[in-house]
Amino acid sequence: MPVYHVTFTCAPDYMARRLPFRPAHLAQLVGLRDDGRVVAGGPEPDGGAAHIFYRLPDLAALDALLADNVFYRAKLFVAHEVRDFTNLLAPLAPLPADAGLQVTLVEGGMSDWARAGAALATLQRQNRIGFAGRFADGAGLAAVRTPEAAAAIEWLTQSGAFTGALSARAWSQTL
């Protein structure tokens, strides 16, 4: 089943207005995760964006969930971008709800999936990444379990999973 990475643009006043809506939003996402429709999710620490990884049969199902998203209905999310993975190394186990794990999302070029997937699986067994995937355009994304961008990039570069220039951004993995 396809997995979609949705990057949400947050409203300028997201940090000031989100708390009253947060319990319902978190409950909604935990329910979706528990029934297999969400892989992971959480905001960037500065409140500028959020990332949710959905496992759904198609874009129509994704559109229906987005229309029902608590933060979207409250106008805390004002736009979104969708990318679908062609390959995914799923998390070994779900995080507890509201984990707040300090993670670095790293993106960049990826070698062939067989090689990259094997390197990423090794990093996952070492508890250095939570999950990772490859998009149709050959770019990859990994949720690296460190708040240190330089360390995250080094681990992925040394493993051979990613190639070329890499970008990194802080992420608070909530679930």
Protein backbone atom coordinates (compact mmCIF):
# COMPACT_ATOMS: atom_id res chain seq x y z
CA MET A 1 0.00 0.00 0.00
CA PRO A 2 1.38 3.44 -0.87
CA VAL A 3 2.92 5.67 1.78
CA TYR A 4 2.58 9.43 1.33
CA HIS A 5 4.76 12.07 2.97
CA VAL A 6 2.65 15.16 3.53
CA THR A 7 4.48 18.36 4.45
CA PHE A 8 2.06 20.86 5.95
CA THR A 9 2.72 24.59 5.99
CA CYS A 10 1.56 25.94 9.33
CA ALA A 11 -0.28 29.21 9.84
CA PRO A 12 1.88 32.11 11.06
CA ASP A 13 0.10 31.96 14.44
CA TYR A 14 0.28 28.14 14.69
CA MET A 15 2.31 28.12 17.91
CA ALA A 16 -0.05 30.58 19.63
CA ARG A 17 -3.30 28.83 18.61
CA ARG A 18 -2.57 25.10 18.48
CA LEU A 19 -2.88 24.03 22.12
CA PRO A 20 -6.72 23.92 22.36
CA PHE A 21 -6.87 21.74 19.23
CA ARG A 22 -3.87 19.52 20.03
CA PRO A 23 -5.60 16.80 22.13
CA ALA A 24 -8.17 16.13 19.40
CA HIS A 25 -5.51 16.25 16.68
CA LEU A 26 -3.25 13.84 18.55
CA ALA A 27 -6.16 11.47 19.28
CA GLN A 28 -7.10 11.54 15.61
CA LEU A 29 -3.56 10.68 14.50
CA VAL A 30 -3.12 7.96 17.14
CA GLY A 31 -6.36 6.35 15.94
CA LEU A 32 -5.13 6.48 12.35
CA ARG A 33 -1.78 5.03 13.38
CA ASP A 34 -3.44 2.27 15.39
CA ASP A 35 -5.45 1.19 12.35
CA GLY A 36 -2.40 1.35 10.08
CA ARG A 37 -3.17 4.56 8.16
CA VAL A 38 -0.43 6.74 9.73
CA VAL A 39 3.22 5.69 9.94
CA ALA A 40 4.53 8.71 11.88
CA GLY A 41 3.92 12.41 12.38
CA GLY A 42 4.93 15.57 14.15
CA PRO A 43 5.86 19.24 13.78
CA GLU A 44 9.09 21.02 13.14
CA PRO A 45 10.16 22.64 16.43
CA ASP A 46 9.83 26.20 15.09
CA GLY A 47 6.18 25.66 14.16
CA GLY A 48 6.69 26.47 10.49
CA ALA A 49 5.81 23.03 9.15
CA ALA A 50 4.60 19.60 10.15
CA HIS A 51 5.10 16.18 8.57
CA ILE A 52 2.69 13.27 8.57
CA PHE A 53 3.40 9.98 6.81
CA TYR A 54 0.16 8.27 5.70
CA ARG A 55 -0.29 4.67 4.49
CA LEU A 56 -3.37 4.72 2.26
CA PRO A 57 -4.63 2.96 -0.87
CA ASP A 58 -4.70 6.09 -3.06
CA LEU A 59 -4.75 9.88 -3.26
CA ALA A 60 -8.54 9.99 -2.94
CA ALA A 61 -8.27 8.36 0.50
CA LEU A 62 -5.54 10.83 1.42
CA ASP A 63 -7.67 13.79 0.31
CA ALA A 64 -10.53 12.55 2.50
CA LEU A 65 -8.27 12.32 5.55
CA LEU A 66 -6.76 15.72 4.90
CA ALA A 67 -10.23 17.28 4.69
CA ASP A 68 -11.00 15.80 8.10
CA ASN A 69 -7.68 16.74 9.75
CA VAL A 70 -8.34 18.65 12.99
CA PHE A 71 -5.52 21.16 12.40
CA TYR A 72 -6.62 21.77 8.80
CA ARG A 73 -10.21 22.41 9.90
CA ALA A 74 -8.89 24.86 12.54
CA LYS A 75 -6.82 26.61 9.83
CA LEU A 76 -3.60 25.77 11.67
CA PHE A 77 -2.42 24.02 8.48
CA VAL A 78 -2.75 26.39 5.54
CA ALA A 79 -1.21 24.36 2.69
CA HIS A 80 0.40 21.01 2.01
CA GLU A 81 2.66 19.16 -0.38
CA VAL A 82 2.35 15.42 -1.07
CA ARG A 83 5.10 13.05 -2.17
CA ASP A 84 4.69 9.30 -2.42
CA PHE A 85 7.33 6.77 -1.58
CA THR A 86 8.18 4.02 -4.05
CA ASN A 87 10.03 2.16 -1.29
CA LEU A 88 9.78 2.39 2.48
CA LEU A 89 11.69 0.94 5.40
CA ALA A 90 8.90 1.10 7.98
CA PRO A 91 9.47 1.73 11.70
CA LEU A 92 10.23 -1.42 13.69
CA ALA A 93 7.73 -0.40 16.36
CA PRO A 94 5.43 2.57 16.91
CA LEU A 95 6.50 5.31 19.28
CA PRO A 96 4.28 6.08 22.25
CA ALA A 97 1.78 8.85 21.58
CA ASP A 98 3.20 12.32 22.18
CA ALA A 99 6.77 10.98 22.18
CA GLY A 100 8.39 14.29 21.25
CA LEU A 101 11.46 12.46 19.96
CA GLN A 102 14.06 14.93 18.67
CA VAL A 103 14.80 13.73 15.17
CA THR A 104 16.51 15.08 12.08
CA LEU A 105 14.80 14.61 8.73
CA VAL A 106 17.50 14.17 6.11
CA GLU A 107 16.84 14.30 2.38
CA GLY A 108 19.08 13.76 -0.59
CA GLY A 109 19.93 11.53 -3.49
CA MET A 110 19.75 7.82 -2.99
CA SER A 111 21.57 5.04 -4.74
CA ASP A 112 19.60 2.03 -5.90
CA TRP A 113 17.05 0.90 -3.31
CA ALA A 114 18.58 -2.55 -2.74
CA ARG A 115 21.87 -1.02 -1.62
CA ALA A 116 20.32 1.92 0.21
CA GLY A 117 17.68 -0.25 1.88
CA ALA A 118 20.31 -2.64 3.23
CA ALA A 119 22.38 0.24 4.62
CA LEU A 120 19.29 1.86 6.15
CA ALA A 121 18.19 -1.42 7.72
CA THR A 122 21.59 -1.66 9.41
CA LEU A 123 21.21 1.89 10.75
CA GLN A 124 17.72 1.03 11.94
CA ARG A 125 18.98 -2.02 13.87
CA GLN A 126 21.57 0.31 15.46
CA ASN A 127 18.67 2.58 16.53
CA ARG A 128 20.08 5.42 14.40
CA ILE A 129 17.03 5.80 12.14
CA GLY A 130 13.35 5.27 12.78
CA PHE A 131 12.25 4.87 9.16
CA ALA A 132 13.30 5.90 5.66
CA GLY A 133 12.14 5.78 2.10
CA ARG A 134 12.79 6.56 -1.54
CA PHE A 135 10.61 8.72 -3.76
CA ALA A 136 9.94 8.13 -7.46
CA ASP A 137 12.43 10.84 -8.46
CA GLY A 138 15.29 9.00 -6.70
CA ALA A 139 15.40 11.29 -3.69
CA GLY A 140 15.38 9.73 -0.27
CA LEU A 141 14.25 10.77 3.19
CA ALA A 142 15.29 9.34 6.54
CA ALA A 143 14.08 10.10 10.07
CA VAL A 144 17.41 10.01 11.88
CA ARG A 145 17.31 9.62 15.64
CA THR A 146 19.53 12.49 16.64
CA PRO A 147 18.88 16.21 16.97
CA GLU A 148 22.36 16.87 15.56
CA ALA A 149 22.11 17.51 11.81
CA ALA A 150 25.83 16.97 11.23
CA ALA A 151 25.76 13.56 12.93
CA ALA A 152 22.64 12.54 11.00
CA ILE A 153 24.24 13.45 7.68
CA GLU A 154 27.47 11.69 8.63
CA TRP A 155 25.69 8.44 9.54
CA LEU A 156 23.80 8.38 6.23
CA THR A 157 26.82 9.34 4.15
CA GLN A 158 29.13 6.80 5.78
CA SER A 159 26.54 4.06 5.38
CA GLY A 160 26.38 4.66 1.64
CA ALA A 161 22.57 4.95 1.73
CA PHE A 162 22.53 8.53 0.44
CA THR A 163 24.60 10.23 -2.23
CA GLY A 164 25.41 13.81 -3.14
CA ALA A 165 24.44 16.87 -1.13
CA LEU A 166 22.11 16.24 1.79
CA SER A 167 19.76 18.63 3.56
CA ALA A 168 18.62 18.31 7.15
CA ARG A 169 15.91 19.87 9.30
CA ALA A 170 14.86 19.39 12.88
CA TRP A 171 11.67 17.42 13.53
CA SER A 172 9.79 16.55 16.70
CA GLN A 173 8.42 13.06 16.04
CA THR A 174 5.21 12.97 18.06
CA LEU A 175 4.18 9.46 17.01
